[in-house]
């Protein structure tokens, strides 16, 4: 069927705005917006009808009436007047059958949208469109009725127009993959929902004292609600590495909440020294994204003075969280003070140093963490061990090993669940007194 015959067939039955008519032929012609395309199609029909009218053909006048009534084309009314044909619209002003004239409100709605976004700091955005079910069903039925093959959906057109208007109004950039803001609009109900996508701040932390957990440790009795056991705090410990670092970042970003991700964790009674442990703080629904990280770093270090310090704060992408999890198995360096049940001689210590260096340790999940980890046997490699005697029955071990090796159990043997162990090798019962993490050797995190 001829293109204009299809257009006429559509307009004969339904009132269509320029945009919705143009959308049905969106793939025909490039560099033309749909509203322009729709108007061009209407004007093309107008010229054809005018030619028929000059030849006194009744069909021309009928087409002009359709254009005046359903195409909402003023030029059609003017042409009818020119030919001396009076035209009176039947009933009230018609709205577009497909969009109910909502495309005419895009610019005004965009002004409302920019006002709603004023409290957010962002560089990139993406517009998503929600539509009433009846609107989408109506369009599907229309396309099926007229066998539309070159069309563009109403959802896509709204998204493109709002994206263009918003970009022009705010000078921000549309990003289809990782936008700062995702804006969900319903142009029919005129609702706006803003989803501020997470902000990720990475760095390294040092834990300078013992008996501070890495993450918030909720009371085992009340699960955070507050009870006599926890003195109403809901926590087993008053503070944690996570809280000391995350609270200033959350306040600076004006976010809703945070999640703390780290490359492994040290025991509550162990210090984290050296260059620190890599971490990422994930801030949910931030309203600020350009942070003075030097000031935030200073605030964390001052408020956590003597307990926790951070360095190298920077904005990163979500992918680094995955890298952190992979990095849990990288090389780690420990220092542990070991006490033996009886005195040990220098020769035994030198033998211990030699046997542990390059050893493969078979370690079954320690009894102390069996309640939260699967009961498996894992193999971990020790790269290097240095032994330093500090008293007749005490030594300091410095261990460079594969991440995931439980050092306390390497010392004690954990009732035979770790083999070989320091206790097993020397045949003398040994226990760890103090443990420090000296280094987490991970690239790019």
Protein backbone atom coordinates (compact mmCIF):
# COMPACT_ATOMS: atom_id res chain seq x y z
CA UNK A 1 0.00 0.00 0.00
CA UNK A 2 1.17 3.52 -0.80
CA UNK A 3 2.76 5.37 2.16
CA UNK A 4 0.22 8.21 2.09
CA UNK A 5 -2.62 5.73 1.73
CA UNK A 6 -1.51 4.15 5.03
CA UNK A 7 -1.26 7.57 6.67
CA UNK A 8 -4.74 8.46 5.46
CA UNK A 9 -6.12 5.16 6.68
CA UNK A 10 -4.67 5.85 10.15
CA UNK A 11 -6.00 9.42 10.29
CA UNK A 12 -9.39 8.46 8.94
CA UNK A 13 -9.93 6.37 12.08
CA UNK A 14 -7.85 8.04 14.80
CA UNK A 15 -6.72 11.50 15.87
CA UNK A 16 -2.90 11.54 15.91
CA UNK A 17 -0.45 14.25 16.93
CA UNK A 18 2.58 14.96 14.76
CA UNK A 19 4.91 12.94 17.01
CA UNK A 20 2.74 9.82 17.20
CA UNK A 21 2.10 9.81 13.47
CA UNK A 22 5.80 10.33 12.74
CA UNK A 23 6.75 7.52 15.14
CA UNK A 24 4.95 4.98 12.95
CA UNK A 25 7.49 5.71 10.18
CA UNK A 26 10.55 6.47 12.33
CA UNK A 27 12.89 4.26 10.28
CA UNK A 28 12.13 6.14 7.05
CA UNK A 29 14.39 9.12 6.53
CA UNK A 30 17.27 10.06 8.80
CA UNK A 31 18.11 13.29 10.60
CA UNK A 32 14.41 14.07 11.06
CA UNK A 33 12.65 14.12 14.43
CA UNK A 34 9.38 12.26 14.70
CA UNK A 35 7.30 15.40 15.19
CA UNK A 36 8.83 16.84 12.01
CA UNK A 37 8.26 13.56 10.21
CA UNK A 38 4.62 13.48 11.27
CA UNK A 39 4.00 17.05 10.16
CA UNK A 40 5.70 16.37 6.83
CA UNK A 41 3.38 13.40 6.25
CA UNK A 42 0.33 15.52 7.06
CA UNK A 43 1.51 18.30 4.78
CA UNK A 44 2.18 15.80 2.02
CA UNK A 45 -1.43 14.63 2.29
CA UNK A 46 -2.52 18.28 2.35
CA UNK A 47 -0.76 18.94 -0.97
CA UNK A 48 -2.26 15.80 -2.50
CA UNK A 49 -5.75 16.76 -1.30
CA UNK A 50 -5.32 20.32 -2.58
CA UNK A 51 -4.41 18.98 -6.03
CA UNK A 52 -7.58 16.86 -6.06
CA UNK A 53 -9.66 19.87 -5.01
CA UNK A 54 -8.31 21.91 -7.92
CA UNK A 55 -9.66 19.21 -10.18
CA UNK A 56 -13.05 19.37 -8.40
CA UNK A 57 -12.69 15.87 -7.02
CA UNK A 58 -14.78 15.22 -3.91
CA UNK A 59 -12.09 12.94 -2.47
CA UNK A 60 -9.80 15.96 -1.96
CA UNK A 61 -12.35 17.72 0.23
CA UNK A 62 -12.89 14.56 2.28
CA UNK A 63 -9.15 14.25 2.92
CA UNK A 64 -8.97 17.91 3.97
CA UNK A 65 -11.79 17.34 6.47
CA UNK A 66 -9.95 14.33 7.91
CA UNK A 67 -6.78 16.39 8.22
CA UNK A 68 -8.67 19.20 9.92
CA UNK A 69 -10.54 16.86 12.31
CA UNK A 70 -8.04 14.09 13.17
CA UNK A 71 -4.68 15.48 12.08
CA UNK A 72 -5.41 18.70 13.98
CA UNK A 73 -3.96 20.58 11.00
CA UNK A 74 -4.95 24.24 10.82
CA UNK A 75 -3.68 24.49 7.24
CA UNK A 76 -6.35 21.98 6.24
CA UNK A 77 -9.06 24.28 7.63
CA UNK A 78 -7.50 27.23 5.81
CA UNK A 79 -7.43 25.25 2.54
CA UNK A 80 -11.09 24.31 2.90
CA UNK A 81 -11.93 27.97 3.45
CA UNK A 82 -9.94 28.83 0.33
CA UNK A 83 -12.08 26.47 -1.70
CA UNK A 84 -15.22 27.85 -0.13
CA UNK A 85 -15.99 24.77 1.91
CA UNK A 86 -17.18 25.54 5.40
CA UNK A 87 -15.78 23.19 8.04
CA UNK A 88 -17.13 22.79 11.55
CA UNK A 89 -15.45 20.36 13.96
CA UNK A 90 -17.67 17.65 15.31
CA UNK A 91 -17.62 17.51 19.10
CA UNK A 92 -14.88 18.84 21.43
CA UNK A 93 -11.20 19.21 20.50
CA UNK A 94 -9.73 15.74 19.98
CA UNK A 95 -6.63 14.53 21.78
CA UNK A 96 -4.09 12.20 20.20
CA UNK A 97 -5.39 8.64 20.38
CA UNK A 98 -1.99 7.19 21.32
CA UNK A 99 -0.40 9.73 23.69
CA UNK A 100 -3.40 11.82 24.79
CA UNK A 101 -1.29 14.86 23.81
CA UNK A 102 1.34 14.06 26.45
CA UNK A 103 4.16 14.81 24.04
CA UNK A 104 3.08 18.45 24.13
CA UNK A 105 3.81 18.50 27.87
CA UNK A 106 7.38 17.18 27.66
CA UNK A 107 9.08 20.56 27.88
CA UNK A 108 6.97 21.74 30.82
CA UNK A 109 7.42 18.45 32.65
CA UNK A 110 11.18 18.72 32.13
CA UNK A 111 11.16 22.00 34.08
CA UNK A 112 9.48 20.17 36.97
CA UNK A 113 12.09 17.45 36.63
CA UNK A 114 15.10 19.80 36.78
CA UNK A 115 13.64 21.27 39.96
CA UNK A 116 13.35 17.79 41.50
CA UNK A 117 16.99 17.08 40.63
CA UNK A 118 18.32 20.30 42.15
CA UNK A 119 19.30 18.60 45.42
CA UNK A 120 21.47 16.02 43.63
CA UNK A 121 25.06 16.36 42.49
CA UNK A 122 25.67 14.34 39.32
CA UNK A 123 27.46 14.34 35.99
CA UNK A 124 25.63 11.62 34.08
CA UNK A 125 22.06 10.35 34.01
CA UNK A 126 19.71 7.93 32.32
CA UNK A 127 15.97 8.34 31.82
CA UNK A 128 13.63 5.38 32.21
CA UNK A 129 9.94 5.54 31.29
CA UNK A 130 6.99 3.95 33.09
CA UNK A 131 3.71 3.79 31.18
CA UNK A 132 0.17 2.78 32.17
CA UNK A 133 -0.69 -0.69 30.90
CA UNK A 134 -3.61 0.61 28.84
CA UNK A 135 -1.32 3.01 26.95
CA UNK A 136 1.04 0.21 25.89
CA UNK A 137 -1.84 -2.10 25.01
CA UNK A 138 -3.45 0.62 22.89
CA UNK A 139 -0.23 1.15 20.97
CA UNK A 140 0.26 -2.60 20.43
CA UNK A 141 -3.25 -2.90 19.04
CA UNK A 142 -2.71 0.12 16.78
CA UNK A 143 0.51 -1.33 15.35
CA UNK A 144 -1.16 -4.66 14.74
CA UNK A 145 -4.17 -3.03 13.05
CA UNK A 146 -2.06 -1.06 10.58
CA UNK A 147 0.82 -3.56 10.32
CA UNK A 148 3.40 -0.97 11.37
CA UNK A 149 6.91 -2.14 10.44
CA UNK A 150 8.91 1.11 10.48
CA UNK A 151 7.76 2.37 13.86
CA UNK A 152 9.37 3.47 17.12
CA UNK A 153 7.76 2.77 20.49
CA UNK A 154 6.13 5.45 22.58
CA UNK A 155 8.43 4.48 25.47
CA UNK A 156 11.54 5.03 23.37
CA UNK A 157 10.30 8.37 22.07
CA UNK A 158 9.50 9.69 25.55
CA UNK A 159 12.90 8.52 26.83
CA UNK A 160 14.74 10.16 23.96
CA UNK A 161 12.85 13.47 24.24
CA UNK A 162 13.17 13.74 28.02
CA UNK A 163 16.84 12.81 27.79
CA UNK A 164 17.47 15.50 25.18
CA UNK A 165 15.54 18.22 27.01
CA UNK A 166 17.18 17.35 30.34
CA UNK A 167 20.66 17.27 28.82
CA UNK A 168 20.10 20.66 27.21
CA UNK A 169 18.66 22.14 30.43
CA UNK A 170 21.31 20.82 32.82
CA UNK A 171 24.34 20.37 30.53
CA UNK A 172 24.70 16.82 31.93
CA UNK A 173 25.47 13.74 29.86
CA UNK A 174 23.31 10.71 29.14
CA UNK A 175 25.10 7.47 30.11
CA UNK A 176 23.45 4.17 29.21
CA UNK A 177 25.88 1.97 31.17
CA UNK A 178 26.89 3.58 34.48
CA UNK A 179 24.88 6.76 35.11
CA UNK A 180 25.11 8.66 38.39
CA UNK A 181 21.33 9.09 38.41
CA UNK A 182 18.58 6.93 36.95
CA UNK A 183 15.36 8.93 36.59
CA UNK A 184 12.10 7.03 36.23
CA UNK A 185 9.31 9.14 34.71
CA UNK A 186 5.64 8.48 34.13
CA UNK A 187 4.52 11.21 31.70
CA UNK A 188 0.86 10.22 32.03
CA UNK A 189 0.69 10.37 35.81
CA UNK A 190 3.41 13.05 35.92
CA UNK A 191 5.44 11.23 38.58
CA UNK A 192 9.20 11.41 39.06
CA UNK A 193 11.32 8.81 40.82
CA UNK A 194 15.05 9.50 41.20
CA UNK A 195 17.46 6.65 41.82
CA UNK A 196 20.87 7.92 42.81
CA UNK A 197 23.21 5.08 41.97
CA UNK A 198 25.84 4.06 44.56
CA UNK A 199 29.06 5.98 45.10
CA UNK A 200 32.18 3.89 45.76
CA UNK A 201 35.06 5.29 47.84
CA UNK A 202 38.21 3.16 48.11
CA UNK A 203 41.26 3.39 50.32
CA UNK A 204 43.42 1.47 52.80
CA UNK A 205 42.93 1.34 56.55
CA UNK A 206 45.24 0.61 59.45
CA UNK A 207 43.84 -0.68 62.74
CA UNK A 208 46.23 0.48 65.43
CA UNK A 209 44.68 -1.16 68.50
CA UNK A 210 43.25 -4.52 69.41
CA UNK A 211 39.68 -5.43 70.35
CA UNK A 212 37.94 -3.38 67.67
CA UNK A 213 36.02 -5.49 65.13
CA UNK A 214 36.25 -4.73 61.44
CA UNK A 215 32.46 -4.54 60.98
CA UNK A 216 29.64 -3.63 63.32
CA UNK A 217 29.16 -6.51 65.74
CA UNK A 218 25.51 -6.65 66.73
CA UNK A 219 24.49 -8.00 70.10
CA UNK A 220 23.94 -11.77 69.92
CA UNK A 221 21.10 -11.49 72.42
CA UNK A 222 18.94 -8.74 70.88
CA UNK A 223 20.30 -8.64 67.31
CA UNK A 224 20.76 -4.88 67.41
CA UNK A 225 17.51 -3.85 69.13
CA UNK A 226 19.10 -3.00 72.48
CA UNK A 227 18.97 -4.99 75.73
CA UNK A 228 20.55 -5.27 79.18
CA UNK A 229 23.39 -7.40 77.84
CA UNK A 230 24.57 -4.65 75.47
CA UNK A 231 23.48 -1.74 77.71
CA UNK A 232 20.91 -0.72 75.13
CA UNK A 233 23.46 -0.12 72.35
CA UNK A 234 22.48 -3.15 70.27
CA UNK A 235 26.21 -3.87 69.79
CA UNK A 236 28.80 -6.12 71.37
CA UNK A 237 31.49 -3.47 70.87
CA UNK A 238 30.93 0.31 70.96
CA UNK A 239 32.71 0.96 67.67
CA UNK A 240 34.20 -0.76 64.65
CA UNK A 241 36.56 -0.06 61.77
CA UNK A 242 33.52 0.09 59.49
CA UNK A 243 31.75 2.74 61.58
CA UNK A 244 34.82 4.91 62.14
CA UNK A 245 35.48 5.04 58.40
CA UNK A 246 31.97 4.98 56.94
CA UNK A 247 30.18 7.62 59.02
CA UNK A 248 32.22 10.63 57.78
CA UNK A 249 31.96 9.38 54.18
CA UNK A 250 28.18 8.93 54.51
CA UNK A 251 27.78 12.43 55.95
CA UNK A 252 29.88 14.00 53.18
CA UNK A 253 27.93 12.21 50.44
CA UNK A 254 24.54 12.88 52.10
CA UNK A 255 23.63 9.26 51.46
CA UNK A 256 21.10 6.86 52.94
CA UNK A 257 23.38 4.06 54.18
CA UNK A 258 26.74 2.41 53.54
CA UNK A 259 28.15 -1.06 52.94
CA UNK A 260 31.75 -1.84 53.87
CA UNK A 261 33.81 -4.13 51.60
CA UNK A 262 37.37 -5.16 52.44
CA UNK A 263 40.05 -7.50 51.16
CA UNK A 264 39.67 -10.05 53.95
CA UNK A 265 39.52 -9.25 57.66
CA UNK A 266 41.77 -9.43 60.67
CA UNK A 267 40.69 -10.99 63.96
CA UNK A 268 39.20 -8.63 66.51
CA UNK A 269 42.30 -8.99 68.71
CA UNK A 270 44.73 -8.43 65.83
CA UNK A 271 46.11 -5.15 64.56
CA UNK A 272 46.29 -4.19 60.87
CA UNK A 273 49.57 -2.37 60.31
CA UNK A 274 51.93 -1.67 57.40
CA UNK A 275 50.33 0.10 54.44
CA UNK A 276 46.90 -1.05 55.53
CA UNK A 277 44.11 -3.25 54.20
CA UNK A 278 42.30 -2.27 50.96
CA UNK A 279 38.62 -1.40 51.40
CA UNK A 280 35.67 0.15 49.56
CA UNK A 281 32.78 2.04 51.16
CA UNK A 282 29.62 1.80 49.07
CA UNK A 283 27.28 4.74 49.68
CA UNK A 284 23.61 4.16 48.78
CA UNK A 285 21.53 6.99 47.30
CA UNK A 286 24.12 9.77 47.62
CA UNK A 287 23.05 13.35 46.93
CA UNK A 288 26.66 14.54 46.70
CA UNK A 289 29.19 12.85 44.45
CA UNK A 290 32.06 15.34 44.29
CA UNK A 291 33.61 15.01 47.73
CA UNK A 292 36.61 16.73 49.28
CA UNK A 293 38.27 13.40 50.02
CA UNK A 294 41.34 15.03 51.57
CA UNK A 295 39.07 16.66 54.15
CA UNK A 296 37.14 13.41 54.69
CA UNK A 297 40.41 11.52 55.16
CA UNK A 298 41.57 14.10 57.70
CA UNK A 299 38.28 13.87 59.60
CA UNK A 300 38.46 10.06 59.79
CA UNK A 301 42.06 10.13 60.98
CA UNK A 302 41.36 12.78 63.62
CA UNK A 303 38.21 11.13 64.98
CA UNK A 304 39.86 7.70 64.96
CA UNK A 305 43.22 8.91 66.25
CA UNK A 306 45.17 6.12 67.88
CA UNK A 307 42.61 3.54 66.73
CA UNK A 308 42.05 3.65 62.97
CA UNK A 309 43.64 5.61 60.13
CA UNK A 310 42.98 5.68 56.39
CA UNK A 311 44.96 6.70 53.32
CA UNK A 312 44.60 7.08 49.54
CA UNK A 313 40.84 7.76 49.51
CA UNK A 314 39.53 7.93 45.95
CA UNK A 315 36.36 7.42 43.91
CA UNK A 316 36.24 4.06 42.13
CA UNK A 317 33.77 1.95 40.18
CA UNK A 318 31.72 -1.00 41.40
CA UNK A 319 34.12 -3.40 39.69
CA UNK A 320 36.72 -2.80 42.40
CA UNK A 321 34.42 -4.47 44.95
CA UNK A 322 34.73 -7.69 42.93
CA UNK A 323 38.49 -7.22 42.71
CA UNK A 324 38.63 -6.92 46.50
CA UNK A 325 36.89 -10.26 46.92
CA UNK A 326 39.33 -11.88 44.48
CA UNK A 327 42.22 -10.28 46.35
CA UNK A 328 41.35 -12.10 49.59
CA UNK A 329 43.70 -14.86 48.45
CA UNK A 330 46.72 -12.65 47.68
CA UNK A 331 49.93 -12.66 49.68
CA UNK A 332 49.69 -11.50 53.27
CA UNK A 333 52.33 -10.88 55.88
CA UNK A 334 51.85 -11.56 59.60
CA UNK A 335 53.74 -11.21 62.84
CA UNK A 336 52.72 -13.47 65.71
CA UNK A 337 54.09 -13.80 69.22
CA UNK A 338 54.09 -17.48 70.20
CA UNK A 339 54.40 -19.00 73.66
CA UNK A 340 55.52 -22.62 74.07
CA UNK A 341 54.62 -24.91 76.94
CA UNK A 342 58.34 -25.28 77.69
CA UNK A 343 61.62 -23.73 76.61
CA UNK A 344 62.82 -24.25 73.03
CA UNK A 345 66.43 -24.34 71.85
CA UNK A 346 67.90 -22.36 68.98
CA UNK A 347 68.45 -25.42 66.79
CA UNK A 348 64.78 -26.35 66.96
CA UNK A 349 63.80 -22.82 65.96
CA UNK A 350 66.12 -22.83 62.95
CA UNK A 351 64.64 -26.16 61.87
CA UNK A 352 61.13 -24.73 62.28
CA UNK A 353 62.04 -21.73 60.12
CA UNK A 354 63.43 -24.01 57.39
CA UNK A 355 60.51 -26.45 57.41
CA UNK A 356 57.77 -23.81 57.34
CA UNK A 357 59.34 -21.83 54.48
CA UNK A 358 57.86 -23.25 51.27
CA UNK A 359 55.46 -25.51 53.15
CA UNK A 360 51.96 -26.37 51.94
CA UNK A 361 49.56 -26.27 54.89
CA UNK A 362 46.42 -28.38 54.87
CA UNK A 363 43.95 -26.56 57.02
CA UNK A 364 40.48 -27.74 57.89
CA UNK A 365 38.06 -24.94 58.78
CA UNK A 366 39.04 -23.84 62.33
CA UNK A 367 36.72 -24.77 65.16
CA UNK A 368 36.32 -21.13 66.17
CA UNK A 369 34.77 -20.14 62.82
CA UNK A 370 33.03 -23.39 62.03
CA UNK A 371 29.67 -21.82 62.95
CA UNK A 372 29.90 -19.44 59.99
CA UNK A 373 32.08 -21.20 57.41
CA UNK A 374 31.75 -24.52 55.58
CA UNK A 375 33.73 -27.40 57.05
CA UNK A 376 36.32 -27.84 54.28
CA UNK A 377 40.01 -28.56 54.04
CA UNK A 378 41.99 -25.90 52.21
CA UNK A 379 45.62 -25.88 51.10
CA UNK A 380 47.63 -22.70 51.67
CA UNK A 381 51.23 -21.96 50.75
CA UNK A 382 53.84 -20.31 52.99
CA UNK A 383 56.42 -18.31 51.03
CA UNK A 384 58.77 -17.36 53.84
CA UNK A 385 59.11 -17.57 57.63
CA UNK A 386 61.49 -15.75 59.97
CA UNK A 387 61.84 -16.87 63.59
CA UNK A 388 63.10 -14.56 66.34
CA UNK A 389 63.54 -15.78 69.90
CA UNK A 390 62.40 -13.25 72.51
CA UNK A 391 62.58 -15.38 75.69
CA UNK A 392 63.32 -19.01 76.56
CA UNK A 393 59.77 -20.10 75.72
CA UNK A 394 58.58 -17.31 73.45
CA UNK A 395 59.32 -16.55 69.80
CA UNK A 396 58.16 -14.06 67.22
CA UNK A 397 57.24 -15.49 63.82
CA UNK A 398 57.10 -13.30 60.73
CA UNK A 399 55.15 -15.15 58.03
CA UNK A 400 54.64 -14.32 54.35
CA UNK A 401 51.89 -16.60 53.04
CA UNK A 402 48.93 -17.07 50.77
CA UNK A 403 45.84 -15.20 51.94
CA UNK A 404 43.26 -17.24 53.79
CA UNK A 405 45.73 -19.09 56.03
CA UNK A 406 44.60 -18.99 59.67
CA UNK A 407 47.74 -18.04 61.59
CA UNK A 408 46.50 -18.82 65.10
CA UNK A 409 45.68 -22.37 64.03
CA UNK A 410 49.03 -22.65 62.21
CA UNK A 411 50.59 -22.12 65.64
CA UNK A 412 48.31 -24.29 67.80
CA UNK A 413 47.35 -27.01 65.31
CA UNK A 414 43.67 -26.63 66.25
CA UNK A 415 43.34 -30.18 67.61
CA UNK A 416 44.95 -31.63 64.49
CA UNK A 417 42.78 -29.72 61.99
CA UNK A 418 45.85 -27.80 60.71
CA UNK A 419 48.79 -29.90 59.47
CA UNK A 420 51.63 -29.31 59.76
CA UNK A 421 51.59 -26.75 62.59
CA UNK A 422 54.21 -25.16 64.84
CA UNK A 423 53.09 -27.36 67.74
CA UNK A 424 53.20 -30.47 65.56
CA UNK A 425 56.62 -29.72 64.08
CA UNK A 426 58.36 -29.15 67.41
CA UNK A 427 56.30 -31.59 69.44
CA UNK A 428 55.71 -28.83 71.98
CA UNK A 429 52.30 -27.29 72.64
CA UNK A 430 52.25 -23.69 71.39
CA UNK A 431 49.71 -20.88 71.54
CA UNK A 432 49.52 -17.45 69.87
CA UNK A 433 49.64 -14.48 72.21
CA UNK A 434 49.52 -11.48 69.87
CA UNK A 435 48.89 -11.27 66.14
CA UNK A 436 49.52 -8.38 63.74
CA UNK A 437 48.87 -8.16 60.03
CA UNK A 438 51.85 -6.39 58.51
CA UNK A 439 50.82 -6.32 54.87
CA UNK A 440 48.14 -7.14 52.31
CA UNK A 441 50.03 -7.37 49.04
CA UNK A 442 47.41 -6.70 46.38
CA UNK A 443 47.82 -4.91 43.04
CA UNK A 444 45.35 -2.23 41.86
CA UNK A 445 43.37 -2.31 45.11
